Amino acid sequence: MEPFVYSRPDNATAAVREGAAGGDASATFLAGGTTLVDLMKLNVMRPTQVVDIKGLRQDDMRRITVNQDGARLGALVTMAQAAGHPDIKRDYPVVAQSLQLAASAQLRNMATLGGNVLQRTRCPYFRDTSWEKCNKRNPGSGCQALEALHRQHAVMGVSDSCIATYPGDWAQSLIALDAQVETLRAGGPRKLAFADLHKAPGNTPHVETALEPGELIIAFFIPAGPHTKRSVYLKIRDRASYEFALASAAVALDMDAGRVRGVRIALGGIATTPWRALEAEQALIGMSLNEENAAKAAAIALKSATPHEDNAYKIPLAKETIVRALLQARALEV
């Protein structure tokens, strides 16, 4: 671990000021620390300044509020708190399930919602500095995954510079439910669609989000809708617990007399960013939701996939995951 400057401000404005002080220099926020500390120990992340935000006196960052307009979850709420919140479990089950199926109980008790959506990829070539080629870690060095084993890597949103998979689960529920992100930056507060938070790798895989230097996530807002209660998160992985997704689907349905009035489909485990299957959603509007129509929608969702030798299996796996998730959501009693 490299030396760094440590600070512990007591309010968000001070945290943003300290985080932005160095401009594009390496400064980062520390909350739960379940990703950052690991990567610092591995010498993958080498921040020159760490701004500890665990002690911020910002009640709105630690609160969950659910009303007729939607759900607002503070960025310092832990994964365990959100997963166990009775209103979230009742009105936004896909949110609770995506958090409950992530990590381990110990990590969920520590990890914050803000940190969760910003977690770095689990690509082994990124996390092991003995591999020189990693455009996320060393821009311009190449992508080792394209030349070596890549069974767990992405098939959607990839580029010639990076095929690393976005590892999270909760982000899929957020993008499916059209969530917004509330932030504070040097220029003041702003809101952005969660769908705009993460950036596809393109030619700059090291630029992972739209956040400015020192910009701090304050909260997430999920608008209410007729689809939120009929929602499911389905996660397929190599083992039943404490494992990252090979393929996952966050699905939310609005049904009317047996036909699809509205549907949201987000995919995980297969893409470089949280992935929304918009064309597949449109294909289901007005249709009966049966296995045949669900399979057609799944095929549309994966039509632009770019597999490589070791991860081509993810395409049929993701299709089956979408079908199962849609049919499970249809069967819910709401």
C-alpha atoms as a PDB file:
ATOM      1  CA  MET A   1       0.000   0.000   0.000  1.00  0.00           C
ATOM      2  CA  GLU A   2       1.353   3.393  -1.009  1.00  0.00           C
ATOM      3  CA  PRO A   3       1.424   6.402   1.374  1.00  0.00           C
ATOM      4  CA  PHE A   4      -1.580   8.736   1.205  1.00  0.00           C
ATOM      5  CA  VAL A   5      -3.063  11.775   2.930  1.00  0.00           C
ATOM      6  CA  TYR A   6      -6.038  10.900   5.155  1.00  0.00           C
ATOM      7  CA  SER A   7      -8.837  13.269   6.166  1.00  0.00           C
ATOM      8  CA  ARG A   8     -12.182  12.812   7.932  1.00  0.00           C
ATOM      9  CA  PRO A   9     -14.483  15.799   7.328  1.00  0.00           C
ATOM     10  CA  ASP A  10     -17.777  16.073   9.201  1.00  0.00           C
ATOM     11  CA  ASN A  11     -19.953  17.497   6.404  1.00  0.00           C
ATOM     12  CA  ALA A  12     -20.503  16.774   2.717  1.00  0.00           C
ATOM     13  CA  THR A  13     -19.453  20.224   1.517  1.00  0.00           C
ATOM     14  CA  ALA A  14     -16.055  19.863   3.169  1.00  0.00           C
ATOM     15  CA  ALA A  15     -15.693  16.332   1.798  1.00  0.00           C
ATOM     16  CA  VAL A  16     -16.337  17.526  -1.741  1.00  0.00           C
ATOM     17  CA  ARG A  17     -13.927  20.422  -1.316  1.00  0.00           C
ATOM     18  CA  GLU A  18     -11.181  18.091  -0.109  1.00  0.00           C
ATOM     19  CA  GLY A  19     -11.921  15.485  -2.757  1.00  0.00           C
ATOM     20  CA  ALA A  20     -11.807  18.055  -5.562  1.00  0.00           C
ATOM     21  CA  ALA A  21      -8.800  19.993  -4.286  1.00  0.00           C
ATOM     22  CA  GLY A  22      -6.347  18.100  -6.444  1.00  0.00           C
ATOM     23  CA  GLY A  23      -8.364  18.335  -9.650  1.00  0.00           C
ATOM     24  CA  ASP A  24      -7.721  15.185 -11.658  1.00  0.00           C
ATOM     25  CA  ALA A  25      -5.137  13.970  -9.142  1.00  0.00           C
ATOM     26  CA  SER A  26      -5.858  10.711  -7.351  1.00  0.00           C
ATOM     27  CA  ALA A  27      -8.258  11.362  -4.473  1.00  0.00           C
ATOM     28  CA  THR A  28     -11.009   8.997  -3.419  1.00  0.00           C
ATOM     29  CA  PHE A  29     -13.791   8.688  -0.860  1.00  0.00           C
ATOM     30  CA  LEU A  30     -13.819   5.956   1.778  1.00  0.00           C
ATOM     31  CA  ALA A  31     -17.129   4.744   3.228  1.00  0.00           C
ATOM     32  CA  GLY A  32     -17.576   1.001   3.858  1.00  0.00           C
ATOM     33  CA  GLY A  33     -14.188   0.351   2.317  1.00  0.00           C
ATOM     34  CA  THR A  34     -15.015  -3.170   1.143  1.00  0.00           C
ATOM     35  CA  THR A  35     -13.658  -2.493  -2.357  1.00  0.00           C
ATOM     36  CA  LEU A  36     -11.247   0.389  -1.893  1.00  0.00           C
ATOM     37  CA  VAL A  37      -9.190  -1.093   0.943  1.00  0.00           C
ATOM     38  CA  ASP A  38      -8.775  -4.400  -0.889  1.00  0.00           C
ATOM     39  CA  LEU A  39      -7.559  -2.669  -4.045  1.00  0.00           C
ATOM     40  CA  MET A  40      -5.192  -0.442  -2.101  1.00  0.00           C
ATOM     41  CA  LYS A  41      -3.669  -3.517  -0.439  1.00  0.00           C
ATOM     42  CA  LEU A  42      -3.226  -5.060  -3.880  1.00  0.00           C
ATOM     43  CA  ASN A  43      -1.579  -1.848  -5.089  1.00  0.00           C
ATOM     44  CA  VAL A  44      -4.183  -1.601  -7.832  1.00  0.00           C
ATOM     45  CA  MET A  45      -5.593   1.676  -6.552  1.00  0.00           C
ATOM     46  CA  ARG A  46      -3.031   4.180  -5.279  1.00  0.00           C
ATOM     47  CA  PRO A  47      -4.899   7.294  -4.155  1.00  0.00           C
ATOM     48  CA  THR A  48      -2.780  10.188  -2.994  1.00  0.00           C
ATOM     49  CA  GLN A  49      -5.625  11.306  -0.738  1.00  0.00           C
ATOM     50  CA  VAL A  50      -8.364   9.343   1.027  1.00  0.00           C
ATOM     51  CA  VAL A  51     -11.379  11.303   2.274  1.00  0.00           C
ATOM     52  CA  ASP A  52     -13.194   9.275   4.930  1.00  0.00           C
ATOM     53  CA  ILE A  53     -16.931  10.078   4.765  1.00  0.00           C
ATOM     54  CA  LYS A  54     -18.162   7.611   7.396  1.00  0.00           C
ATOM     55  CA  GLY A  55     -18.399  10.412   9.960  1.00  0.00           C
ATOM     56  CA  LEU A  56     -20.404  12.866   7.851  1.00  0.00           C
ATOM     57  CA  ARG A  57     -23.220  14.464   9.818  1.00  0.00           C
ATOM     58  CA  GLN A  58     -25.675  14.194   6.928  1.00  0.00           C
ATOM     59  CA  ASP A  59     -28.890  12.541   8.068  1.00  0.00           C
ATOM     60  CA  ASP A  60     -30.259  12.434   4.524  1.00  0.00           C
ATOM     61  CA  MET A  61     -27.340  10.211   3.509  1.00  0.00           C
ATOM     62  CA  ARG A  62     -28.273   7.617   6.166  1.00  0.00           C
ATOM     63  CA  ARG A  63     -32.041   7.567   5.715  1.00  0.00           C
ATOM     64  CA  ILE A  64     -34.513   5.515   3.656  1.00  0.00           C
ATOM     65  CA  THR A  65     -37.783   7.267   2.793  1.00  0.00           C
ATOM     66  CA  VAL A  66     -40.633   5.573   0.939  1.00  0.00           C
ATOM     67  CA  ASN A  67     -43.799   7.464  -0.005  1.00  0.00           C
ATOM     68  CA  GLN A  68     -46.270   7.787  -2.872  1.00  0.00           C
ATOM     69  CA  ASP A  69     -43.665   9.478  -5.057  1.00  0.00           C
ATOM     70  CA  GLY A  70     -41.048   6.779  -4.716  1.00  0.00           C
ATOM     71  CA  ALA A  71     -38.141   5.590  -2.603  1.00  0.00           C
ATOM     72  CA  ARG A  72     -35.130   7.669  -1.634  1.00  0.00           C
ATOM     73  CA  LEU A  73     -32.119   5.827  -0.261  1.00  0.00           C
ATOM     74  CA  GLY A  74     -29.172   7.709   1.204  1.00  0.00           C
ATOM     75  CA  ALA A  75     -25.722   6.846  -0.090  1.00  0.00           C
ATOM     76  CA  LEU A  76     -24.425   5.925   3.395  1.00  0.00           C
ATOM     77  CA  VAL A  77     -27.232   3.424   4.004  1.00  0.00           C
ATOM     78  CA  THR A  78     -25.710  -0.047   4.121  1.00  0.00           C
ATOM     79  CA  MET A  79     -26.689  -2.816   1.763  1.00  0.00           C
ATOM     80  CA  ALA A  80     -28.074  -4.821   4.682  1.00  0.00           C
ATOM     81  CA  GLN A  81     -30.255  -1.935   5.885  1.00  0.00           C
ATOM     82  CA  ALA A  82     -31.780  -1.425   2.440  1.00  0.00           C
ATOM     83  CA  ALA A  83     -32.254  -5.150   1.789  1.00  0.00           C
ATOM     84  CA  GLY A  84     -34.105  -5.580   5.086  1.00  0.00           C
ATOM     85  CA  HIS A  85     -36.246  -2.446   4.970  1.00  0.00           C
ATOM     86  CA  PRO A  86     -39.903  -3.572   5.082  1.00  0.00           C
ATOM     87  CA  ASP A  87     -41.182  -0.931   2.652  1.00  0.00           C
ATOM     88  CA  ILE A  88     -38.456  -1.702   0.131  1.00  0.00           C
ATOM     89  CA  LYS A  89     -39.145  -5.434   0.388  1.00  0.00           C
ATOM     90  CA  ARG A  90     -42.871  -4.844  -0.115  1.00  0.00           C
ATOM     91  CA  ASP A  91     -42.922  -2.142  -2.796  1.00  0.00           C
ATOM     92  CA  TYR A  92     -39.563  -2.645  -4.557  1.00  0.00           C
ATOM     93  CA  PRO A  93     -38.726  -6.349  -4.190  1.00  0.00           C
ATOM     94  CA  VAL A  94     -36.216  -6.307  -7.066  1.00  0.00           C
ATOM     95  CA  VAL A  95     -34.174  -3.782  -5.078  1.00  0.00           C
ATOM     96  CA  ALA A  96     -34.184  -5.858  -1.893  1.00  0.00           C
ATOM     97  CA  GLN A  97     -33.422  -9.088  -3.753  1.00  0.00           C
ATOM     98  CA  SER A  98     -30.508  -7.637  -5.716  1.00  0.00           C
ATOM     99  CA  LEU A  99     -28.919  -6.474  -2.470  1.00  0.00           C
ATOM    100  CA  GLN A 100     -29.668  -9.668  -0.551  1.00  0.00           C
ATOM    101  CA  LEU A 101     -28.055 -11.799  -3.269  1.00  0.00           C
ATOM    102  CA  ALA A 102     -24.862  -9.742  -3.304  1.00  0.00           C
ATOM    103  CA  ALA A 103     -21.650 -10.438  -1.402  1.00  0.00           C
ATOM    104  CA  SER A 104     -21.795 -11.966   2.100  1.00  0.00           C
ATOM    105  CA  ALA A 105     -23.723 -10.962   5.214  1.00  0.00           C
ATOM    106  CA  GLN A 106     -20.589  -9.448   6.729  1.00  0.00           C
ATOM    107  CA  LEU A 107     -19.891  -7.324   3.657  1.00  0.00           C
ATOM    108  CA  ARG A 108     -23.527  -6.240   3.343  1.00  0.00           C
ATOM    109  CA  ASN A 109     -23.343  -4.967   6.916  1.00  0.00           C
ATOM    110  CA  MET A 110     -20.371  -2.751   6.012  1.00  0.00           C
ATOM    111  CA  ALA A 111     -20.786  -1.787   2.363  1.00  0.00           C
ATOM    112  CA  THR A 112     -22.705   1.392   1.565  1.00  0.00           C
ATOM    113  CA  LEU A 113     -25.089   1.926  -1.324  1.00  0.00           C
ATOM    114  CA  GLY A 114     -22.987   4.732  -2.763  1.00  0.00           C
ATOM    115  CA  GLY A 115     -19.856   2.638  -2.737  1.00  0.00           C
ATOM    116  CA  ASN A 116     -21.656  -0.396  -4.118  1.00  0.00           C
ATOM    117  CA  VAL A 117     -22.528   1.208  -7.454  1.00  0.00           C
ATOM    118  CA  LEU A 118     -18.939   2.441  -7.827  1.00  0.00           C
ATOM    119  CA  GLN A 119     -17.214  -0.876  -7.172  1.00  0.00           C
ATOM    120  CA  ARG A 120     -14.472  -1.792  -9.609  1.00  0.00           C
ATOM    121  CA  THR A 121     -14.439  -4.800 -11.884  1.00  0.00           C
ATOM    122  CA  ARG A 122     -13.360  -8.219 -10.635  1.00  0.00           C
ATOM    123  CA  CYS A 123     -11.391  -8.853 -13.831  1.00  0.00           C
ATOM    124  CA  PRO A 124      -8.327 -10.811 -12.606  1.00  0.00           C
ATOM    125  CA  TYR A 125      -6.034  -8.954 -14.992  1.00  0.00           C
ATOM    126  CA  PHE A 126      -7.111  -5.649 -13.444  1.00  0.00           C
ATOM    127  CA  ARG A 127      -6.706  -6.865  -9.867  1.00  0.00           C
ATOM    128  CA  ASP A 128      -3.320  -8.534 -10.337  1.00  0.00           C
ATOM    129  CA  THR A 129      -0.584  -6.014 -11.060  1.00  0.00           C
ATOM    130  CA  SER A 130       1.741  -8.728 -12.362  1.00  0.00           C
ATOM    131  CA  TRP A 131      -0.294  -8.494 -15.571  1.00  0.00           C
ATOM    132  CA  GLU A 132       1.031  -5.436 -17.353  1.00  0.00           C
ATOM    133  CA  LYS A 133      -1.744  -5.173 -19.917  1.00  0.00           C
ATOM    134  CA  CYS A 134      -4.851  -3.563 -18.426  1.00  0.00           C
ATOM    135  CA  ASN A 135      -6.299  -0.424 -19.954  1.00  0.00           C
ATOM    136  CA  LYS A 136      -8.329   0.246 -16.818  1.00  0.00           C
ATOM    137  CA  ARG A 137      -5.257   0.208 -14.616  1.00  0.00           C
ATOM    138  CA  ASN A 138      -2.638   1.350 -17.138  1.00  0.00           C
ATOM    139  CA  PRO A 139      -4.325   3.291 -19.968  1.00  0.00           C
ATOM    140  CA  GLY A 140      -2.897   2.386 -23.345  1.00  0.00           C
ATOM    141  CA  SER A 141      -1.253  -0.842 -22.193  1.00  0.00           C
ATOM    142  CA  GLY A 142      -3.735  -3.239 -23.843  1.00  0.00           C
ATOM    143  CA  CYS A 143      -6.305  -5.753 -22.621  1.00  0.00           C
ATOM    144  CA  GLN A 144      -4.873  -9.027 -21.342  1.00  0.00           C
ATOM    145  CA  ALA A 145      -8.335 -10.607 -21.208  1.00  0.00           C
ATOM    146  CA  LEU A 146      -8.528 -10.561 -24.998  1.00  0.00           C
ATOM    147  CA  GLU A 147      -5.445 -12.781 -25.128  1.00  0.00           C
ATOM    148  CA  ALA A 148      -5.966 -15.033 -22.096  1.00  0.00           C
ATOM    149  CA  LEU A 149      -8.821 -16.814 -20.304  1.00  0.00           C
ATOM    150  CA  HIS A 150     -11.975 -14.693 -20.259  1.00  0.00           C
ATOM    151  CA  ARG A 151     -14.785 -17.004 -19.119  1.00  0.00           C
ATOM    152  CA  GLN A 152     -16.321 -14.420 -16.764  1.00  0.00           C
ATOM    153  CA  HIS A 153     -15.903 -11.410 -19.020  1.00  0.00           C
ATOM    154  CA  ALA A 154     -18.498  -9.306 -20.826  1.00  0.00           C
ATOM    155  CA  VAL A 155     -20.261  -9.911 -24.124  1.00  0.00           C
ATOM    156  CA  MET A 156     -22.236  -6.647 -24.196  1.00  0.00           C
ATOM    157  CA  GLY A 157     -20.867  -3.110 -24.390  1.00  0.00           C
ATOM    158  CA  VAL A 158     -17.345  -4.349 -25.043  1.00  0.00           C
ATOM    159  CA  SER A 159     -14.630  -2.697 -27.114  1.00  0.00           C
ATOM    160  CA  ASP A 160     -11.209  -3.563 -28.492  1.00  0.00           C
ATOM    161  CA  SER A 161      -9.793  -1.905 -25.374  1.00  0.00           C
ATOM    162  CA  CYS A 162     -11.714  -3.724 -22.616  1.00  0.00           C
ATOM    163  CA  ILE A 163     -14.094  -6.616 -22.001  1.00  0.00           C
ATOM    164  CA  ALA A 164     -14.188  -6.396 -18.184  1.00  0.00           C
ATOM    165  CA  THR A 165     -17.579  -7.104 -16.629  1.00  0.00           C
ATOM    166  CA  TYR A 166     -19.353  -4.701 -14.298  1.00  0.00           C
ATOM    167  CA  PRO A 167     -19.623  -6.829 -11.129  1.00  0.00           C
ATOM    168  CA  GLY A 168     -22.509  -5.367  -9.146  1.00  0.00           C
ATOM    169  CA  ASP A 169     -26.086  -6.556  -8.607  1.00  0.00           C
ATOM    170  CA  TRP A 170     -27.943  -3.577  -7.138  1.00  0.00           C
ATOM    171  CA  ALA A 171     -27.150  -1.391 -10.143  1.00  0.00           C
ATOM    172  CA  GLN A 172     -29.304  -3.616 -12.347  1.00  0.00           C
ATOM    173  CA  SER A 173     -32.377  -2.913 -10.218  1.00  0.00           C
ATOM    174  CA  LEU A 174     -31.630   0.819 -10.278  1.00  0.00           C
ATOM    175  CA  ILE A 175     -31.278   1.063 -14.035  1.00  0.00           C
ATOM    176  CA  ALA A 176     -34.381  -1.090 -14.535  1.00  0.00           C
ATOM    177  CA  LEU A 177     -36.485   1.214 -12.351  1.00  0.00           C
ATOM    178  CA  ASP A 178     -35.241   4.482 -13.920  1.00  0.00           C
ATOM    179  CA  ALA A 179     -33.517   5.604 -10.738  1.00  0.00           C
ATOM    180  CA  GLN A 180     -31.875   8.984 -10.350  1.00  0.00           C
ATOM    181  CA  VAL A 181     -28.629   9.811  -8.577  1.00  0.00           C
ATOM    182  CA  GLU A 182     -28.327  12.887  -6.350  1.00  0.00           C
ATOM    183  CA  THR A 183     -24.795  14.201  -6.003  1.00  0.00           C
ATOM    184  CA  LEU A 184     -22.857  17.118  -4.586  1.00  0.00           C
ATOM    185  CA  ARG A 185     -19.924  18.585  -6.491  1.00  0.00           C
ATOM    186  CA  ALA A 186     -17.789  21.706  -6.313  1.00  0.00           C
ATOM    187  CA  GLY A 187     -20.343  23.566  -8.436  1.00  0.00           C
ATOM    188  CA  GLY A 188     -23.252  22.517  -6.216  1.00  0.00           C
ATOM    189  CA  PRO A 189     -25.822  19.702  -6.210  1.00  0.00           C
ATOM    190  CA  ARG A 190     -26.992  17.932  -9.342  1.00  0.00           C
ATOM    191  CA  LYS A 191     -29.203  15.040 -10.388  1.00  0.00           C
ATOM    192  CA  LEU A 192     -28.536  12.587 -13.163  1.00  0.00           C
ATOM    193  CA  ALA A 193     -30.231   9.486 -14.449  1.00  0.00           C
ATOM    194  CA  PHE A 194     -28.617   6.364 -13.058  1.00  0.00           C
ATOM    195  CA  ALA A 195     -28.415   5.143 -16.648  1.00  0.00           C
ATOM    196  CA  ASP A 196     -25.948   7.976 -17.309  1.00  0.00           C
ATOM    197  CA  LEU A 197     -23.692   7.274 -14.330  1.00  0.00           C
ATOM    198  CA  HIS A 198     -21.520   4.540 -15.845  1.00  0.00           C
ATOM    199  CA  LYS A 199     -19.559   4.882 -19.070  1.00  0.00           C
ATOM    200  CA  ALA A 200     -18.933   2.132 -21.618  1.00  0.00           C
ATOM    201  CA  PRO A 201     -15.209   1.416 -22.048  1.00  0.00           C
ATOM    202  CA  GLY A 202     -14.794   2.551 -25.645  1.00  0.00           C
ATOM    203  CA  ASN A 203     -11.219   3.775 -26.025  1.00  0.00           C
ATOM    204  CA  THR A 204     -11.026   5.012 -22.409  1.00  0.00           C
ATOM    205  CA  PRO A 205     -11.801   2.078 -20.081  1.00  0.00           C
ATOM    206  CA  HIS A 206     -10.165   3.898 -17.162  1.00  0.00           C
ATOM    207  CA  VAL A 207     -12.981   6.503 -17.253  1.00  0.00           C
ATOM    208  CA  GLU A 208     -15.716   4.468 -15.611  1.00  0.00           C
ATOM    209  CA  THR A 209     -18.296   7.044 -14.490  1.00  0.00           C
ATOM    210  CA  ALA A 210     -19.612  10.505 -15.290  1.00  0.00           C
ATOM    211  CA  LEU A 211     -18.666  11.810 -11.833  1.00  0.00           C
ATOM    212  CA  GLU A 212     -16.372  14.808 -11.638  1.00  0.00           C
ATOM    213  CA  PRO A 213     -13.286  14.862  -9.378  1.00  0.00           C
ATOM    214  CA  GLY A 214     -14.547  15.160  -5.808  1.00  0.00           C
ATOM    215  CA  GLU A 215     -18.205  14.637  -6.732  1.00  0.00           C
ATOM    216  CA  LEU A 216     -19.992  12.796  -3.942  1.00  0.00           C
ATOM    217  CA  ILE A 217     -23.099  10.622  -4.289  1.00  0.00           C
ATOM    218  CA  ILE A 218     -25.679  11.773  -1.735  1.00  0.00           C
ATOM    219  CA  ALA A 219     -28.692   9.562  -2.471  1.00  0.00           C
ATOM    220  CA  PHE A 220     -30.629   7.488  -4.986  1.00  0.00           C
ATOM    221  CA  PHE A 221     -34.259   8.115  -5.913  1.00  0.00           C
ATOM    222  CA  ILE A 222     -36.477   5.412  -7.423  1.00  0.00           C
ATOM    223  CA  PRO A 223     -39.793   6.731  -8.797  1.00  0.00           C
ATOM    224  CA  ALA A 224     -42.963   4.879  -7.852  1.00  0.00           C
ATOM    225  CA  GLY A 225     -44.888   3.073 -10.579  1.00  0.00           C
ATOM    226  CA  PRO A 226     -47.306   0.232 -11.258  1.00  0.00           C
ATOM    227  CA  HIS A 227     -44.387  -2.056 -12.139  1.00  0.00           C
ATOM    228  CA  THR A 228     -42.293  -1.866  -8.979  1.00  0.00           C
ATOM    229  CA  LYS A 229     -44.168  -4.437  -6.876  1.00  0.00           C
ATOM    230  CA  ARG A 230     -44.204  -7.054  -9.640  1.00  0.00           C
ATOM    231  CA  SER A 231     -40.436  -7.207  -9.851  1.00  0.00           C
ATOM    232  CA  VAL A 232     -37.759  -9.891  -9.570  1.00  0.00           C
ATOM    233  CA  TYR A 233     -33.988 -10.182  -9.496  1.00  0.00           C
ATOM    234  CA  LEU A 234     -32.637 -13.488 -10.774  1.00  0.00           C
ATOM    235  CA  LYS A 235     -28.928 -14.240 -10.407  1.00  0.00           C
ATOM    236  CA  ILE A 236     -27.129 -17.180 -12.021  1.00  0.00           C
ATOM    237  CA  ARG A 237     -23.675 -18.010 -10.652  1.00  0.00           C
ATOM    238  CA  ASP A 238     -21.211 -20.851 -10.250  1.00  0.00           C
ATOM    239  CA  ARG A 239     -22.214 -21.474  -6.642  1.00  0.00           C
ATOM    240  CA  ALA A 240     -25.233 -20.616  -4.545  1.00  0.00           C
ATOM    241  CA  SER A 241     -23.705 -17.886  -2.370  1.00  0.00           C
ATOM    242  CA  TYR A 242     -20.971 -15.251  -2.226  1.00  0.00           C
ATOM    243  CA  GLU A 243     -20.282 -15.315  -5.940  1.00  0.00           C
ATOM    244  CA  PHE A 244     -20.553 -12.814  -8.760  1.00  0.00           C
ATOM    245  CA  ALA A 245     -23.148 -13.283 -11.471  1.00  0.00           C
ATOM    246  CA  LEU A 246     -22.435 -15.106 -14.699  1.00  0.00           C
ATOM    247  CA  ALA A 247     -25.764 -13.703 -15.844  1.00  0.00           C
ATOM    248  CA  SER A 248     -28.515 -11.869 -14.010  1.00  0.00           C
ATOM    249  CA  ALA A 249     -31.764 -10.093 -14.811  1.00  0.00           C
ATOM    250  CA  ALA A 250     -33.738  -7.406 -12.999  1.00  0.00           C
ATOM    251  CA  VAL A 251     -37.297  -7.438 -14.292  1.00  0.00           C
ATOM    252  CA  ALA A 252     -40.312  -5.267 -13.438  1.00  0.00           C
ATOM    253  CA  LEU A 253     -43.750  -5.822 -14.979  1.00  0.00           C
ATOM    254  CA  ASP A 254     -46.997  -3.908 -15.378  1.00  0.00           C
ATOM    255  CA  MET A 255     -49.707  -6.299 -16.589  1.00  0.00           C
ATOM    256  CA  ASP A 256     -53.222  -5.534 -17.843  1.00  0.00           C
ATOM    257  CA  ALA A 257     -55.683  -8.357 -18.511  1.00  0.00           C
ATOM    258  CA  GLY A 258     -52.878 -10.817 -19.145  1.00  0.00           C
ATOM    259  CA  ARG A 259     -50.938  -8.543 -21.491  1.00  0.00           C
ATOM    260  CA  VAL A 260     -47.812  -6.516 -20.950  1.00  0.00           C
ATOM    261  CA  ARG A 261     -48.598  -2.850 -20.420  1.00  0.00           C
ATOM    262  CA  GLY A 262     -45.069  -1.996 -19.296  1.00  0.00           C
ATOM    263  CA  VAL A 263     -41.853  -3.923 -18.687  1.00  0.00           C
ATOM    264  CA  ARG A 264     -38.326  -3.148 -17.523  1.00  0.00           C
ATOM    265  CA  ILE A 265     -35.407  -5.511 -18.185  1.00  0.00           C
ATOM    266  CA  ALA A 266     -31.849  -4.936 -16.966  1.00  0.00           C
ATOM    267  CA  LEU A 267     -28.983  -7.388 -17.314  1.00  0.00           C
ATOM    268  CA  GLY A 268     -25.929  -8.089 -15.200  1.00  0.00           C
ATOM    269  CA  GLY A 269     -22.922 -10.401 -15.348  1.00  0.00           C
ATOM    270  CA  ILE A 270     -22.671 -10.063 -19.129  1.00  0.00           C
ATOM    271  CA  ALA A 271     -21.940  -6.383 -19.770  1.00  0.00           C
ATOM    272  CA  THR A 272     -19.263  -3.770 -19.139  1.00  0.00           C
ATOM    273  CA  THR A 273     -21.834  -1.497 -17.448  1.00  0.00           C
ATOM    274  CA  PRO A 274     -25.289  -1.968 -15.892  1.00  0.00           C
ATOM    275  CA  TRP A 275     -27.285  -2.865 -19.015  1.00  0.00           C
ATOM    276  CA  ARG A 276     -30.872  -1.968 -19.961  1.00  0.00           C
ATOM    277  CA  ALA A 277     -32.517  -4.083 -22.692  1.00  0.00           C
ATOM    278  CA  LEU A 278     -34.755  -1.373 -24.165  1.00  0.00           C
ATOM    279  CA  GLU A 279     -35.476  -3.057 -27.508  1.00  0.00           C
ATOM    280  CA  ALA A 280     -36.503  -6.263 -25.762  1.00  0.00           C
ATOM    281  CA  GLU A 281     -38.881  -4.277 -23.576  1.00  0.00           C
ATOM    282  CA  GLN A 282     -40.534  -2.676 -26.584  1.00  0.00           C
ATOM    283  CA  ALA A 283     -41.016  -6.067 -28.220  1.00  0.00           C
ATOM    284  CA  LEU A 284     -43.153  -7.236 -25.287  1.00  0.00           C
ATOM    285  CA  ILE A 285     -45.518  -4.270 -25.040  1.00  0.00           C
ATOM    286  CA  GLY A 286     -49.087  -5.393 -25.730  1.00  0.00           C
ATOM    287  CA  MET A 287     -48.103  -9.053 -25.883  1.00  0.00           C
ATOM    288  CA  SER A 288     -49.172 -11.991 -23.778  1.00  0.00           C
ATOM    289  CA  LEU A 289     -46.311 -12.941 -21.522  1.00  0.00           C
ATOM    290  CA  ASN A 290     -45.665 -16.596 -22.285  1.00  0.00           C
ATOM    291  CA  GLU A 291     -42.465 -18.548 -22.718  1.00  0.00           C
ATOM    292  CA  GLU A 292     -42.417 -18.098 -26.500  1.00  0.00           C
ATOM    293  CA  ASN A 293     -42.748 -14.305 -26.375  1.00  0.00           C
ATOM    294  CA  ALA A 294     -40.292 -14.069 -23.509  1.00  0.00           C
ATOM    295  CA  ALA A 295     -37.766 -16.065 -25.555  1.00  0.00           C
ATOM    296  CA  LYS A 296     -38.236 -13.731 -28.525  1.00  0.00           C
ATOM    297  CA  ALA A 297     -37.580 -10.738 -26.302  1.00  0.00           C
ATOM    298  CA  ALA A 298     -34.500 -12.426 -24.844  1.00  0.00           C
ATOM    299  CA  ALA A 299     -33.119 -13.027 -28.336  1.00  0.00           C
ATOM    300  CA  ILE A 300     -33.552  -9.336 -29.122  1.00  0.00           C
ATOM    301  CA  ALA A 301     -31.793  -8.381 -25.877  1.00  0.00           C
ATOM    302  CA  LEU A 302     -28.693 -10.386 -26.844  1.00  0.00           C
ATOM    303  CA  LYS A 303     -28.614  -9.727 -30.590  1.00  0.00           C
ATOM    304  CA  SER A 304     -25.695  -7.282 -30.324  1.00  0.00           C
ATOM    305  CA  ALA A 305     -23.579  -9.541 -28.099  1.00  0.00           C
ATOM    306  CA  THR A 306     -19.897  -9.867 -28.969  1.00  0.00           C
ATOM    307  CA  PRO A 307     -18.626 -13.126 -27.475  1.00  0.00           C
ATOM    308  CA  HIS A 308     -15.105 -14.475 -27.368  1.00  0.00           C
ATOM    309  CA  GLU A 309     -13.996 -18.089 -27.206  1.00  0.00           C
ATOM    310  CA  ASP A 310     -14.380 -18.695 -23.464  1.00  0.00           C
ATOM    311  CA  ASN A 311     -17.498 -16.639 -22.736  1.00  0.00           C
ATOM    312  CA  ALA A 312     -19.812 -17.454 -25.644  1.00  0.00           C
ATOM    313  CA  TYR A 313     -21.862 -19.595 -23.230  1.00  0.00           C
ATOM    314  CA  LYS A 314     -23.092 -16.383 -21.624  1.00  0.00           C
ATOM    315  CA  ILE A 315     -25.396 -15.633 -24.554  1.00  0.00           C
ATOM    316  CA  PRO A 316     -27.729 -18.657 -24.164  1.00  0.00           C
ATOM    317  CA  LEU A 317     -27.364 -18.414 -20.380  1.00  0.00           C
ATOM    318  CA  ALA A 318     -28.470 -14.775 -20.372  1.00  0.00           C
ATOM    319  CA  LYS A 319     -31.399 -15.560 -22.664  1.00  0.00           C
ATOM    320  CA  GLU A 320     -32.648 -18.274 -20.327  1.00  0.00           C
ATOM    321  CA  THR A 321     -32.144 -15.963 -17.356  1.00  0.00           C
ATOM    322  CA  ILE A 322     -34.351 -13.309 -18.968  1.00  0.00           C
ATOM    323  CA  VAL A 323     -37.079 -15.831 -19.753  1.00  0.00           C
ATOM    324  CA  ARG A 324     -37.085 -17.235 -16.212  1.00  0.00           C
ATOM    325  CA  ALA A 325     -37.115 -13.791 -14.638  1.00  0.00           C
ATOM    326  CA  LEU A 326     -40.013 -12.612 -16.800  1.00  0.00           C
ATOM    327  CA  LEU A 327     -42.101 -15.690 -16.041  1.00  0.00           C
ATOM    328  CA  GLN A 328     -41.324 -15.450 -12.314  1.00  0.00           C
ATOM    329  CA  ALA A 329     -42.417 -11.814 -12.297  1.00  0.00           C
ATOM    330  CA  ARG A 330     -45.614 -12.680 -14.163  1.00  0.00           C
ATOM    331  CA  ALA A 331     -46.480 -15.295 -11.536  1.00  0.00           C
ATOM    332  CA  LEU A 332     -46.232 -12.868  -8.611  1.00  0.00           C
ATOM    333  CA  GLU A 333     -49.394 -11.959  -6.746  1.00  0.00           C
ATOM    334  CA  VAL A 334     -49.515  -8.185  -6.288  1.00  0.00           C
END
